[in-house]
Each structure stands twice: as structure tokens, then as C-alpha cells.
């Protein structure tokens, strides 16, 4: 997986699993730091649902970064595709209750809450 993003995500909680609240806070911070319009637009979402929107955004933003940002960093197509494949495996693992990445911890909780 993209070492920089993966390292940053795990460093926020010391390399181990984090609480759901910490995971949601990580996703919110990620959303707020990327683009001006997204945080403003998220204010239209009811407060009780915002954490879920942030978790989905963080998942999609990271996948998009794997696909797009490799060009200027010299990451070839094969490595970008491998990163996306690993991201998909982590997604599958999160739905099986084996998430240790803050994005997937938050995303798994979002899925549990919104899809009972």
C-alpha cells in the first residue's frame, strides 16, 4: 500500500487499533484538510450523520489519491493498481470485523449503523 498514507493513518494512533471516536475524528480531520468546499457542504448534512459522511469521504479520497497522485511522485501504473487492490482487500476485511486502519474502523461502524 502507499507507504506515506498508510504510515500517516497508523501514526495517528500509535500503530495499533484506535477507538471508533478517534477513527471518526481522523476521517473528519482528513476531510477538513483536503478541500474548502467539502467541509462547507458537509454542514448541510445533519450533525448526527456527518461522521458517516466523513468516513465515506476519507475512504474515497484515499482511493482517489492512490489512483491520481502517483504520477507526480513517479509511482508507476502497476504500483498504483496494487495500492488500489490492497485498499479493496482492507475494505473487505473491515466488513469482516478486522479493521485496524482508522478509515476502515470508522467505515465499518458507519456500515453497522446505517445498514442494520
PDB file of N, CA and C in Angstrom:
ATOM      1  N   UNK A   1       0.843  -1.174   0.000  1.00  0.00           N
ATOM      2  CA  UNK A   1       0.000   0.000   0.000  1.00  0.00           C
ATOM      3  C   UNK A   1       0.884   1.232   0.000  1.00  0.00           C
ATOM      4  N   UNK A   2       0.333   2.352  -0.394  1.00  0.00           N
ATOM      5  CA  UNK A   2       1.058   3.608  -0.410  1.00  0.00           C
ATOM      6  C   UNK A   2       1.611   3.857   0.983  1.00  0.00           C
ATOM      7  N   UNK A   3       2.927   3.805   1.107  1.00  0.00           N
ATOM      8  CA  UNK A   3       3.562   3.868   2.418  1.00  0.00           C
ATOM      9  C   UNK A   3       3.261   5.171   3.144  1.00  0.00           C
ATOM     10  N   UNK A   4       3.242   6.290   2.445  1.00  0.00           N
ATOM     11  CA  UNK A   4       3.023   7.577   3.109  1.00  0.00           C
ATOM     12  C   UNK A   4       1.634   7.665   3.725  1.00  0.00           C
ATOM     13  N   UNK A   5       0.622   7.342   2.983  1.00  0.00           N
ATOM     14  CA  UNK A   5      -0.733   7.426   3.521  1.00  0.00           C
ATOM     15  C   UNK A   5      -0.912   6.395   4.623  1.00  0.00           C
ATOM     16  N   UNK A   6      -0.469   5.174   4.399  1.00  0.00           N
ATOM     17  CA  UNK A   6      -0.619   4.131   5.388  1.00  0.00           C
ATOM     18  C   UNK A   6       0.097   4.497   6.682  1.00  0.00           C
ATOM     19  N   UNK A   7       1.311   5.001   6.593  1.00  0.00           N
ATOM     20  CA  UNK A   7       2.069   5.405   7.768  1.00  0.00           C
ATOM     21  C   UNK A   7       1.361   6.520   8.509  1.00  0.00           C
ATOM     22  N   UNK A   8       0.892   7.526   7.803  1.00  0.00           N
ATOM     23  CA  UNK A   8       0.188   8.637   8.447  1.00  0.00           C
ATOM     24  C   UNK A   8      -1.051   8.152   9.180  1.00  0.00           C
ATOM     25  N   UNK A   9      -1.800   7.255   8.590  1.00  0.00           N
ATOM     26  CA  UNK A   9      -3.027   6.762   9.203  1.00  0.00           C
ATOM     27  C   UNK A   9      -2.714   5.982  10.473  1.00  0.00           C
ATOM     28  N   UNK A  10      -1.696   5.171  10.447  1.00  0.00           N
ATOM     29  CA  UNK A  10      -1.386   4.357  11.615  1.00  0.00           C
ATOM     30  C   UNK A  10      -0.672   5.162  12.701  1.00  0.00           C
ATOM     31  N   UNK A  11       0.088   6.185  12.315  1.00  0.00           N
ATOM     32  CA  UNK A  11       0.786   7.010  13.306  1.00  0.00           C
ATOM     33  C   UNK A  11      -0.187   7.770  14.188  1.00  0.00           C
ATOM     34  N   UNK A  12      -1.368   8.088  13.671  1.00  0.00           N
ATOM     35  CA  UNK A  12      -2.295   8.876  14.472  1.00  0.00           C
ATOM     36  C   UNK A  12      -2.729   8.142  15.731  1.00  0.00           C
ATOM     37  N   UNK A  13      -2.569   6.846  15.762  1.00  0.00           N
ATOM     38  CA  UNK A  13      -2.953   6.101  16.955  1.00  0.00           C
ATOM     39  C   UNK A  13      -1.886   5.107  17.380  1.00  0.00           C
ATOM     40  N   UNK A  14      -0.626   5.424  17.074  1.00  0.00           N
ATOM     41  CA  UNK A  14       0.480   4.628  17.575  1.00  0.00           C
ATOM     42  C   UNK A  14       0.670   3.281  16.913  1.00  0.00           C
ATOM     43  N   UNK A  15       0.125   3.089  15.744  1.00  0.00           N
ATOM     44  CA  UNK A  15       0.363   1.864  15.001  1.00  0.00           C
ATOM     45  C   UNK A  15      -0.592   0.738  15.342  1.00  0.00           C
ATOM     46  N   UNK A  16      -1.399   0.883  16.368  1.00  0.00           N
ATOM     47  CA  UNK A  16      -2.350  -0.151  16.737  1.00  0.00           C
ATOM     48  C   UNK A  16      -3.756   0.303  16.413  1.00  0.00           C
ATOM     49  N   UNK A  17      -4.684  -0.441  16.931  1.00  0.00           N
ATOM     50  CA  UNK A  17      -6.077  -0.096  16.701  1.00  0.00           C
ATOM     51  C   UNK A  17      -6.459   1.129  17.526  1.00  0.00           C
ATOM     52  N   UNK A  18      -7.377   1.903  17.020  1.00  0.00           N
ATOM     53  CA  UNK A  18      -7.843   3.092  17.732  1.00  0.00           C
ATOM     54  C   UNK A  18      -9.321   2.942  18.027  1.00  0.00           C
ATOM     55  N   UNK A  19      -9.834   3.810  18.867  1.00  0.00           N
ATOM     56  CA  UNK A  19     -11.259   3.779  19.174  1.00  0.00           C
ATOM     57  C   UNK A  19     -12.050   4.272  17.968  1.00  0.00           C
ATOM     58  N   UNK A  20     -13.316   3.962  17.973  1.00  0.00           N
ATOM     59  CA  UNK A  20     -14.190   4.436  16.906  1.00  0.00           C
ATOM     60  C   UNK A  20     -14.239   5.955  16.897  1.00  0.00           C
ATOM     61  N   UNK A  21     -14.290   6.574  18.065  1.00  0.00           N
ATOM     62  CA  UNK A  21     -14.310   8.046  18.143  1.00  0.00           C
ATOM     63  C   UNK A  21     -13.041   8.640  17.541  1.00  0.00           C
ATOM     64  N   UNK A  22     -11.893   8.043  17.836  1.00  0.00           N
ATOM     65  CA  UNK A  22     -10.627   8.520  17.257  1.00  0.00           C
ATOM     66  C   UNK A  22     -10.621   8.329  15.745  1.00  0.00           C
ATOM     67  N   UNK A  23     -11.176   7.218  15.281  1.00  0.00           N
ATOM     68  CA  UNK A  23     -11.226   6.947  13.850  1.00  0.00           C
ATOM     69  C   UNK A  23     -12.109   7.970  13.135  1.00  0.00           C
ATOM     70  N   UNK A  24     -13.270   8.262  13.712  1.00  0.00           N
ATOM     71  CA  UNK A  24     -14.139   9.279  13.119  1.00  0.00           C
ATOM     72  C   UNK A  24     -13.457  10.651  13.130  1.00  0.00           C
ATOM     73  N   UNK A  25     -12.764  10.970  14.209  1.00  0.00           N
ATOM     74  CA  UNK A  25     -12.058  12.255  14.288  1.00  0.00           C
ATOM     75  C   UNK A  25     -10.967  12.336  13.217  1.00  0.00           C
ATOM     76  N   UNK A  26     -10.284  11.221  12.980  1.00  0.00           N
ATOM     77  CA  UNK A  26      -9.260  11.177  11.931  1.00  0.00           C
ATOM     78  C   UNK A  26      -9.884  11.459  10.569  1.00  0.00           C
ATOM     79  N   UNK A  27     -11.000  10.812  10.276  1.00  0.00           N
ATOM     80  CA  UNK A  27     -11.677  10.999   8.988  1.00  0.00           C
ATOM     81  C   UNK A  27     -12.171  12.436   8.837  1.00  0.00           C
ATOM     82  N   UNK A  28     -12.706  13.005   9.902  1.00  0.00           N
ATOM     83  CA  UNK A  28     -13.161  14.388   9.843  1.00  0.00           C
ATOM     84  C   UNK A  28     -11.990  15.324   9.563  1.00  0.00           C
ATOM     85  N   UNK A  29     -10.886  15.115  10.247  1.00  0.00           N
ATOM     86  CA  UNK A  29      -9.711  15.960  10.025  1.00  0.00           C
ATOM     87  C   UNK A  29      -9.222  15.839   8.583  1.00  0.00           C
ATOM     88  N   UNK A  30      -9.242  14.643   8.061  1.00  0.00           N
ATOM     89  CA  UNK A  30      -8.834  14.418   6.678  1.00  0.00           C
ATOM     90  C   UNK A  30      -9.736  15.204   5.723  1.00  0.00           C
ATOM     91  N   UNK A  31     -11.038  15.142   5.947  1.00  0.00           N
ATOM     92  CA  UNK A  31     -11.978  15.865   5.087  1.00  0.00           C
ATOM     93  C   UNK A  31     -11.772  17.370   5.193  1.00  0.00           C
ATOM     94  N   UNK A  32     -11.570  17.851   6.385  1.00  0.00           N
ATOM     95  CA  UNK A  32     -11.400  19.292   6.584  1.00  0.00           C
ATOM     96  C   UNK A  32     -10.085  19.811   5.997  1.00  0.00           C
ATOM     97  N   UNK A  33      -9.079  18.965   5.926  1.00  0.00           N
ATOM     98  CA  UNK A  33      -7.768  19.398   5.433  1.00  0.00           C
ATOM     99  C   UNK A  33      -7.606  19.321   3.929  1.00  0.00           C
ATOM    100  N   UNK A  34      -8.508  18.660   3.237  1.00  0.00           N
ATOM    101  CA  UNK A  34      -8.296  18.471   1.798  1.00  0.00           C
ATOM    102  C   UNK A  34      -8.853  19.589   0.926  1.00  0.00           C
ATOM    103  N   UNK A  35     -10.077  19.934   1.098  1.00  0.00           N
ATOM    104  CA  UNK A  35     -10.681  20.926   0.214  1.00  0.00           C
ATOM    105  C   UNK A  35     -11.609  21.837   0.992  1.00  0.00           C
ATOM    106  N   UNK A  36     -11.673  23.084   0.580  1.00  0.00           N
ATOM    107  CA  UNK A  36     -12.521  24.052   1.265  1.00  0.00           C
ATOM    108  C   UNK A  36     -14.006  23.743   1.105  1.00  0.00           C
ATOM    109  N   UNK A  37     -14.429  23.333  -0.060  1.00  0.00           N
ATOM    110  CA  UNK A  37     -15.857  23.153  -0.331  1.00  0.00           C
ATOM    111  C   UNK A  37     -16.477  21.974   0.405  1.00  0.00           C
ATOM    112  N   UNK A  38     -15.727  20.925   0.621  1.00  0.00           N
ATOM    113  CA  UNK A  38     -16.314  19.763   1.271  1.00  0.00           C
ATOM    114  C   UNK A  38     -16.749  20.060   2.704  1.00  0.00           C
ATOM    115  N   UNK A  39     -15.899  20.649   3.541  1.00  0.00           N
ATOM    116  CA  UNK A  39     -16.364  20.964   4.898  1.00  0.00           C
ATOM    117  C   UNK A  39     -17.570  21.898   4.916  1.00  0.00           C
ATOM    118  N   UNK A  40     -17.607  22.850   4.003  1.00  0.00           N
ATOM    119  CA  UNK A  40     -18.748  23.763   3.938  1.00  0.00           C
ATOM    120  C   UNK A  40     -20.001  22.991   3.546  1.00  0.00           C
ATOM    121  N   UNK A  41     -19.909  22.163   2.515  1.00  0.00           N
ATOM    122  CA  UNK A  41     -21.046  21.369   2.064  1.00  0.00           C
ATOM    123  C   UNK A  41     -21.517  20.377   3.111  1.00  0.00           C
ATOM    124  N   UNK A  42     -20.577  19.862   3.906  1.00  0.00           N
ATOM    125  CA  UNK A  42     -20.967  18.885   4.917  1.00  0.00           C
ATOM    126  C   UNK A  42     -21.833  19.512   6.011  1.00  0.00           C
ATOM    127  N   UNK A  43     -21.822  20.823   6.109  1.00  0.00           N
ATOM    128  CA  UNK A  43     -22.667  21.497   7.096  1.00  0.00           C
ATOM    129  C   UNK A  43     -24.155  21.323   6.758  1.00  0.00           C
ATOM    130  N   UNK A  44     -24.456  20.955   5.526  1.00  0.00           N
ATOM    131  CA  UNK A  44     -25.842  20.712   5.121  1.00  0.00           C
ATOM    132  C   UNK A  44     -26.346  19.339   5.575  1.00  0.00           C
ATOM    133  N   UNK A  45     -25.421  18.485   5.962  1.00  0.00           N
ATOM    134  CA  UNK A  45     -25.760  17.148   6.437  1.00  0.00           C
ATOM    135  C   UNK A  45     -26.112  17.252   7.922  1.00  0.00           C
ATOM    136  N   UNK A  46     -27.169  16.583   8.363  1.00  0.00           N
ATOM    137  CA  UNK A  46     -27.493  16.622   9.793  1.00  0.00           C
ATOM    138  C   UNK A  46     -26.280  16.201  10.640  1.00  0.00           C
ATOM    139  N   UNK A  47     -26.085  16.882  11.739  1.00  0.00           N
ATOM    140  CA  UNK A  47     -24.921  16.635  12.605  1.00  0.00           C
ATOM    141  C   UNK A  47     -24.755  15.144  12.927  1.00  0.00           C
ATOM    142  N   UNK A  48     -25.842  14.452  13.173  1.00  0.00           N
ATOM    143  CA  UNK A  48     -25.776  13.034  13.547  1.00  0.00           C
ATOM    144  C   UNK A  48     -25.236  12.154  12.412  1.00  0.00           C
ATOM    145  N   UNK A  49     -25.267  12.656  11.191  1.00  0.00           N
ATOM    146  CA  UNK A  49     -24.805  11.880  10.025  1.00  0.00           C
ATOM    147  C   UNK A  49     -23.431  12.310   9.517  1.00  0.00           C
ATOM    148  N   UNK A  50     -22.918  13.424   9.987  1.00  0.00           N
ATOM    149  CA  UNK A  50     -21.660  13.952   9.442  1.00  0.00           C
ATOM    150  C   UNK A  50     -20.499  12.990   9.590  1.00  0.00           C
ATOM    151  N   UNK A  51     -20.388  12.336  10.744  1.00  0.00           N
ATOM    152  CA  UNK A  51     -19.268  11.417  10.942  1.00  0.00           C
ATOM    153  C   UNK A  51     -19.283  10.321   9.884  1.00  0.00           C
ATOM    154  N   UNK A  52     -20.477   9.912   9.467  1.00  0.00           N
ATOM    155  CA  UNK A  52     -20.591   8.871   8.447  1.00  0.00           C
ATOM    156  C   UNK A  52     -20.134   9.400   7.084  1.00  0.00           C
ATOM    157  N   UNK A  53     -20.508  10.622   6.788  1.00  0.00           N
ATOM    158  CA  UNK A  53     -20.080  11.246   5.529  1.00  0.00           C
ATOM    159  C   UNK A  53     -18.559  11.393   5.520  1.00  0.00           C
ATOM    160  N   UNK A  54     -17.988  11.792   6.651  1.00  0.00           N
ATOM    161  CA  UNK A  54     -16.525  11.925   6.730  1.00  0.00           C
ATOM    162  C   UNK A  54     -15.831  10.581   6.515  1.00  0.00           C
ATOM    163  N   UNK A  55     -16.382   9.499   7.062  1.00  0.00           N
ATOM    164  CA  UNK A  55     -15.727   8.197   6.890  1.00  0.00           C
ATOM    165  C   UNK A  55     -15.774   7.749   5.430  1.00  0.00           C
ATOM    166  N   UNK A  56     -16.893   7.984   4.770  1.00  0.00           N
ATOM    167  CA  UNK A  56     -17.007   7.629   3.349  1.00  0.00           C
ATOM    168  C   UNK A  56     -16.076   8.503   2.515  1.00  0.00           C
ATOM    169  N   UNK A  57     -16.028   9.791   2.850  1.00  0.00           N
ATOM    170  CA  UNK A  57     -15.131  10.704   2.138  1.00  0.00           C
ATOM    171  C   UNK A  57     -13.677  10.252   2.289  1.00  0.00           C
ATOM    172  N   UNK A  58     -13.262   9.923   3.500  1.00  0.00           N
ATOM    173  CA  UNK A  58     -11.869   9.529   3.737  1.00  0.00           C
ATOM    174  C   UNK A  58     -11.517   8.279   2.929  1.00  0.00           C
ATOM    175  N   UNK A  59     -12.440   7.325   2.888  1.00  0.00           N
ATOM    176  CA  UNK A  59     -12.210   6.119   2.089  1.00  0.00           C
ATOM    177  C   UNK A  59     -12.032   6.469   0.618  1.00  0.00           C
ATOM    178  N   UNK A  60     -12.968   7.239   0.076  1.00  0.00           N
ATOM    179  CA  UNK A  60     -12.932   7.583  -1.348  1.00  0.00           C
ATOM    180  C   UNK A  60     -11.751   8.490  -1.679  1.00  0.00           C
ATOM    181  N   UNK A  61     -11.447   9.443  -0.800  1.00  0.00           N
ATOM    182  CA  UNK A  61     -10.332  10.369  -1.015  1.00  0.00           C
ATOM    183  C   UNK A  61      -9.020   9.603  -1.110  1.00  0.00           C
ATOM    184  N   UNK A  62      -8.828   8.640  -0.217  1.00  0.00           N
ATOM    185  CA  UNK A  62      -7.592   7.860  -0.222  1.00  0.00           C
ATOM    186  C   UNK A  62      -7.494   7.010  -1.480  1.00  0.00           C
ATOM    187  N   UNK A  63      -8.580   6.363  -1.872  1.00  0.00           N
ATOM    188  CA  UNK A  63      -8.567   5.574  -3.110  1.00  0.00           C
ATOM    189  C   UNK A  63      -8.242   6.468  -4.300  1.00  0.00           C
ATOM    190  N   UNK A  64      -8.830   7.654  -4.327  1.00  0.00           N
ATOM    191  CA  UNK A  64      -8.552   8.596  -5.411  1.00  0.00           C
ATOM    192  C   UNK A  64      -7.088   9.020  -5.407  1.00  0.00           C
ATOM    193  N   UNK A  65      -6.530   9.223  -4.213  1.00  0.00           N
ATOM    194  CA  UNK A  65      -5.110   9.584  -4.129  1.00  0.00           C
ATOM    195  C   UNK A  65      -4.233   8.469  -4.687  1.00  0.00           C
ATOM    196  N   UNK A  66      -4.562   7.230  -4.381  1.00  0.00           N
ATOM    197  CA  UNK A  66      -3.789   6.112  -4.932  1.00  0.00           C
ATOM    198  C   UNK A  66      -3.807   6.141  -6.450  1.00  0.00           C
ATOM    199  N   UNK A  67      -4.964   6.436  -7.016  1.00  0.00           N
ATOM    200  CA  UNK A  67      -5.123   6.416  -8.469  1.00  0.00           C
ATOM    201  C   UNK A  67      -4.486   7.624  -9.144  1.00  0.00           C
ATOM    202  N   UNK A  68      -4.583   8.796  -8.521  1.00  0.00           N
ATOM    203  CA  UNK A  68      -4.177  10.030  -9.190  1.00  0.00           C
ATOM    204  C   UNK A  68      -2.820  10.591  -8.813  1.00  0.00           C
ATOM    205  N   UNK A  69      -2.465  10.530  -7.549  1.00  0.00           N
ATOM    206  CA  UNK A  69      -1.302  11.273  -7.089  1.00  0.00           C
ATOM    207  C   UNK A  69       0.033  10.611  -7.396  1.00  0.00           C
ATOM    208  N   UNK A  70       0.014   9.398  -7.870  1.00  0.00           N
ATOM    209  CA  UNK A  70       1.256   8.711  -8.159  1.00  0.00           C
ATOM    210  C   UNK A  70       2.030   9.280  -9.323  1.00  0.00           C
ATOM    211  N   UNK A  71       1.350   9.965 -10.220  1.00  0.00           N
ATOM    212  CA  UNK A  71       2.015  10.460 -11.422  1.00  0.00           C
ATOM    213  C   UNK A  71       3.167  11.392 -11.090  1.00  0.00           C
ATOM    214  N   UNK A  72       2.921  12.409 -10.287  1.00  0.00           N
ATOM    215  CA  UNK A  72       3.970  13.381  -9.995  1.00  0.00           C
ATOM    216  C   UNK A  72       5.011  12.834  -9.024  1.00  0.00           C
ATOM    217  N   UNK A  73       4.695  11.734  -8.342  1.00  0.00           N
ATOM    218  CA  UNK A  73       5.651  11.125  -7.412  1.00  0.00           C
ATOM    219  C   UNK A  73       6.448  10.006  -8.072  1.00  0.00           C
ATOM    220  N   UNK A  74       6.199   9.768  -9.347  1.00  0.00           N
ATOM    221  CA  UNK A  74       6.932   8.740 -10.074  1.00  0.00           C
ATOM    222  C   UNK A  74       6.468   7.322  -9.784  1.00  0.00           C
ATOM    223  N   UNK A  75       5.264   7.168  -9.237  1.00  0.00           N
ATOM    224  CA  UNK A  75       4.735   5.837  -8.972  1.00  0.00           C
ATOM    225  C   UNK A  75       4.088   5.331 -10.249  1.00  0.00           C
ATOM    226  N   UNK A  76       4.534   4.175 -10.706  1.00  0.00           N
ATOM    227  CA  UNK A  76       4.021   3.677 -11.980  1.00  0.00           C
ATOM    228  C   UNK A  76       2.617   3.085 -11.831  1.00  0.00           C
ATOM    229  N   UNK A  77       2.022   2.808 -12.971  1.00  0.00           N
ATOM    230  CA  UNK A  77       0.644   2.328 -13.000  1.00  0.00           C
ATOM    231  C   UNK A  77       0.482   1.019 -12.233  1.00  0.00           C
ATOM    232  N   UNK A  78       1.440   0.121 -12.366  1.00  0.00           N
ATOM    233  CA  UNK A  78       1.340  -1.169 -11.683  1.00  0.00           C
ATOM    234  C   UNK A  78       1.289  -0.980 -10.164  1.00  0.00           C
ATOM    235  N   UNK A  79       2.096  -0.083  -9.637  1.00  0.00           N
ATOM    236  CA  UNK A  79       2.090   0.148  -8.191  1.00  0.00           C
ATOM    237  C   UNK A  79       0.795   0.824  -7.740  1.00  0.00           C
ATOM    238  N   UNK A  80       0.295   1.760  -8.547  1.00  0.00           N
ATOM    239  CA  UNK A  80      -0.981   2.401  -8.199  1.00  0.00           C
ATOM    240  C   UNK A  80      -2.106   1.366  -8.174  1.00  0.00           C
ATOM    241  N   UNK A  81      -2.116   0.475  -9.150  1.00  0.00           N
ATOM    242  CA  UNK A  81      -3.133  -0.581  -9.181  1.00  0.00           C
ATOM    243  C   UNK A  81      -2.975  -1.536  -7.997  1.00  0.00           C
ATOM    244  N   UNK A  82      -1.744  -1.840  -7.627  1.00  0.00           N
ATOM    245  CA  UNK A  82      -1.506  -2.696  -6.464  1.00  0.00           C
ATOM    246  C   UNK A  82      -2.006  -2.017  -5.192  1.00  0.00           C
ATOM    247  N   UNK A  83      -1.797  -0.711  -5.079  1.00  0.00           N
ATOM    248  CA  UNK A  83      -2.298   0.038  -3.925  1.00  0.00           C
ATOM    249  C   UNK A  83      -3.827  -0.034  -3.852  1.00  0.00           C
ATOM    250  N   UNK A  84      -4.475   0.120  -5.000  1.00  0.00           N
ATOM    251  CA  UNK A  84      -5.939   0.042  -5.035  1.00  0.00           C
ATOM    252  C   UNK A  84      -6.421  -1.369  -4.685  1.00  0.00           C
ATOM    253  N   UNK A  85      -5.703  -2.389  -5.157  1.00  0.00           N
ATOM    254  CA  UNK A  85      -6.062  -3.767  -4.818  1.00  0.00           C
ATOM    255  C   UNK A  85      -5.949  -3.994  -3.309  1.00  0.00           C
ATOM    256  N   UNK A  86      -4.892  -3.474  -2.692  1.00  0.00           N
ATOM    257  CA  UNK A  86      -4.713  -3.604  -1.241  1.00  0.00           C
ATOM    258  C   UNK A  86      -5.821  -2.851  -0.501  1.00  0.00           C
ATOM    259  N   UNK A  87      -6.179  -1.673  -1.005  1.00  0.00           N
ATOM    260  CA  UNK A  87      -7.251  -0.884  -0.401  1.00  0.00           C
ATOM    261  C   UNK A  87      -8.561  -1.676  -0.440  1.00  0.00           C
ATOM    262  N   UNK A  88      -8.802  -2.369  -1.544  1.00  0.00           N
ATOM    263  CA  UNK A  88     -10.007  -3.191  -1.662  1.00  0.00           C
ATOM    264  C   UNK A  88      -9.963  -4.349  -0.662  1.00  0.00           C
ATOM    265  N   UNK A  89      -8.799  -4.969  -0.489  1.00  0.00           N
ATOM    266  CA  UNK A  89      -8.683  -6.057   0.492  1.00  0.00           C
ATOM    267  C   UNK A  89      -8.949  -5.539   1.906  1.00  0.00           C
ATOM    268  N   UNK A  90      -8.455  -4.341   2.207  1.00  0.00           N
ATOM    269  CA  UNK A  90      -8.719  -3.756   3.528  1.00  0.00           C
ATOM    270  C   UNK A  90     -10.212  -3.471   3.702  1.00  0.00           C
ATOM    271  N   UNK A  91     -10.872  -3.051   2.635  1.00  0.00           N
ATOM    272  CA  UNK A  91     -12.312  -2.814   2.691  1.00  0.00           C
ATOM    273  C   UNK A  91     -13.048  -4.116   3.009  1.00  0.00           C
ATOM    274  N   UNK A  92     -12.680  -5.175   2.319  1.00  0.00           N
ATOM    275  CA  UNK A  92     -13.311  -6.473   2.573  1.00  0.00           C
ATOM    276  C   UNK A  92     -13.060  -6.920   4.008  1.00  0.00           C
ATOM    277  N   UNK A  93     -11.843  -6.716   4.498  1.00  0.00           N
ATOM    278  CA  UNK A  93     -11.519  -7.083   5.877  1.00  0.00           C
ATOM    279  C   UNK A  93     -12.327  -6.290   6.888  1.00  0.00           C
ATOM    280  N   UNK A  94     -12.563  -5.015   6.592  1.00  0.00           N
ATOM    281  CA  UNK A  94     -13.314  -4.185   7.540  1.00  0.00           C
ATOM    282  C   UNK A  94     -14.739  -4.703   7.688  1.00  0.00           C
ATOM    283  N   UNK A  95     -15.316  -5.213   6.616  1.00  0.00           N
ATOM    284  CA  UNK A  95     -16.667  -5.754   6.698  1.00  0.00           C
ATOM    285  C   UNK A  95     -16.699  -7.117   7.384  1.00  0.00           C
ATOM    286  N   UNK A  96     -15.528  -7.691   7.587  1.00  0.00           N
ATOM    287  CA  UNK A  96     -15.427  -8.959   8.315  1.00  0.00           C
ATOM    288  C   UNK A  96     -14.971  -8.715   9.762  1.00  0.00           C
ATOM    289  N   UNK A  97     -14.935  -7.436  10.173  1.00  0.00           N
ATOM    290  CA  UNK A  97     -14.594  -7.094  11.549  1.00  0.00           C
ATOM    291  C   UNK A  97     -13.110  -7.067  11.846  1.00  0.00           C
ATOM    292  N   UNK A  98     -12.274  -6.922  10.819  1.00  0.00           N
ATOM    293  CA  UNK A  98     -10.829  -6.952  11.017  1.00  0.00           C
ATOM    294  C   UNK A  98     -10.173  -5.647  10.565  1.00  0.00           C
ATOM    295  N   UNK A  99     -10.680  -4.529  11.001  1.00  0.00           N
ATOM    296  CA  UNK A  99     -10.118  -3.230  10.612  1.00  0.00           C
ATOM    297  C   UNK A  99      -9.129  -2.749  11.666  1.00  0.00           C
ATOM    298  N   UNK A 100      -7.974  -2.249  11.199  1.00  0.00           N
ATOM    299  CA  UNK A 100      -7.043  -1.610  12.130  1.00  0.00           C
ATOM    300  C   UNK A 100      -6.607  -0.237  11.632  1.00  0.00           C
ATOM    301  N   UNK A 101      -7.075   0.136  10.481  1.00  0.00           N
ATOM    302  CA  UNK A 101      -6.803   1.443   9.894  1.00  0.00           C
ATOM    303  C   UNK A 101      -7.951   2.366  10.316  1.00  0.00           C
ATOM    304  N   UNK A 102      -7.663   3.591  10.759  1.00  0.00           N
ATOM    305  CA  UNK A 102      -8.745   4.453  11.251  1.00  0.00           C
ATOM    306  C   UNK A 102      -9.863   4.687  10.244  1.00  0.00           C
ATOM    307  N   UNK A 103      -9.532   4.760   8.979  1.00  0.00           N
ATOM    308  CA  UNK A 103     -10.573   4.953   7.966  1.00  0.00           C
ATOM    309  C   UNK A 103     -11.523   3.760   7.956  1.00  0.00           C
ATOM    310  N   UNK A 104     -10.969   2.570   8.007  1.00  0.00           N
ATOM    311  CA  UNK A 104     -11.814   1.379   7.952  1.00  0.00           C
ATOM    312  C   UNK A 104     -12.526   1.103   9.268  1.00  0.00           C
ATOM    313  N   UNK A 105     -11.950   1.514  10.382  1.00  0.00           N
ATOM    314  CA  UNK A 105     -12.649   1.399  11.665  1.00  0.00           C
ATOM    315  C   UNK A 105     -13.912   2.260  11.614  1.00  0.00           C
ATOM    316  N   UNK A 106     -13.763   3.505  11.148  1.00  0.00           N
ATOM    317  CA  UNK A 106     -14.913   4.409  11.036  1.00  0.00           C
ATOM    318  C   UNK A 106     -15.902   3.907   9.983  1.00  0.00           C
ATOM    319  N   UNK A 107     -15.396   3.448   8.859  1.00  0.00           N
ATOM    320  CA  UNK A 107     -16.272   2.980   7.783  1.00  0.00           C
ATOM    321  C   UNK A 107     -17.074   1.752   8.211  1.00  0.00           C
ATOM    322  N   UNK A 108     -16.440   0.845   8.935  1.00  0.00           N
ATOM    323  CA  UNK A 108     -17.150  -0.345   9.420  1.00  0.00           C
ATOM    324  C   UNK A 108     -18.275   0.051  10.372  1.00  0.00           C
ATOM    325  N   UNK A 109     -18.000   1.004  11.257  1.00  0.00           N
ATOM    326  CA  UNK A 109     -19.043   1.471  12.179  1.00  0.00           C
ATOM    327  C   UNK A 109     -20.173   2.165  11.419  1.00  0.00           C
ATOM    328  N   UNK A 110     -19.803   2.941  10.406  1.00  0.00           N
ATOM    329  CA  UNK A 110     -20.816   3.593   9.565  1.00  0.00           C
ATOM    330  C   UNK A 110     -21.715   2.553   8.927  1.00  0.00           C
ATOM    331  N   UNK A 111     -21.120   1.505   8.394  1.00  0.00           N
ATOM    332  CA  UNK A 111     -21.919   0.449   7.752  1.00  0.00           C
ATOM    333  C   UNK A 111     -22.839  -0.223   8.764  1.00  0.00           C
ATOM    334  N   UNK A 112     -22.330  -0.479   9.968  1.00  0.00           N
ATOM    335  CA  UNK A 112     -23.166  -1.117  11.006  1.00  0.00           C
ATOM    336  C   UNK A 112     -24.345  -0.222  11.387  1.00  0.00           C
ATOM    337  N   UNK A 113     -24.081   1.072  11.527  1.00  0.00           N
ATOM    338  CA  UNK A 113     -25.134   1.982  11.971  1.00  0.00           C
ATOM    339  C   UNK A 113     -26.157   2.288  10.890  1.00  0.00           C
ATOM    340  N   UNK A 114     -25.709   2.376   9.647  1.00  0.00           N
ATOM    341  CA  UNK A 114     -26.607   2.782   8.573  1.00  0.00           C
ATOM    342  C   UNK A 114     -27.229   1.624   7.810  1.00  0.00           C
ATOM    343  N   UNK A 115     -26.748   0.433   8.059  1.00  0.00           N
ATOM    344  CA  UNK A 115     -27.263  -0.740   7.357  1.00  0.00           C
ATOM    345  C   UNK A 115     -27.498  -1.862   8.377  1.00  0.00           C
ATOM    346  N   UNK A 116     -28.468  -1.649   9.275  1.00  0.00           N
ATOM    347  CA  UNK A 116     -28.696  -2.634  10.357  1.00  0.00           C
ATOM    348  C   UNK A 116     -29.155  -3.979   9.853  1.00  0.00           C
TER     349      UNK A 116
END
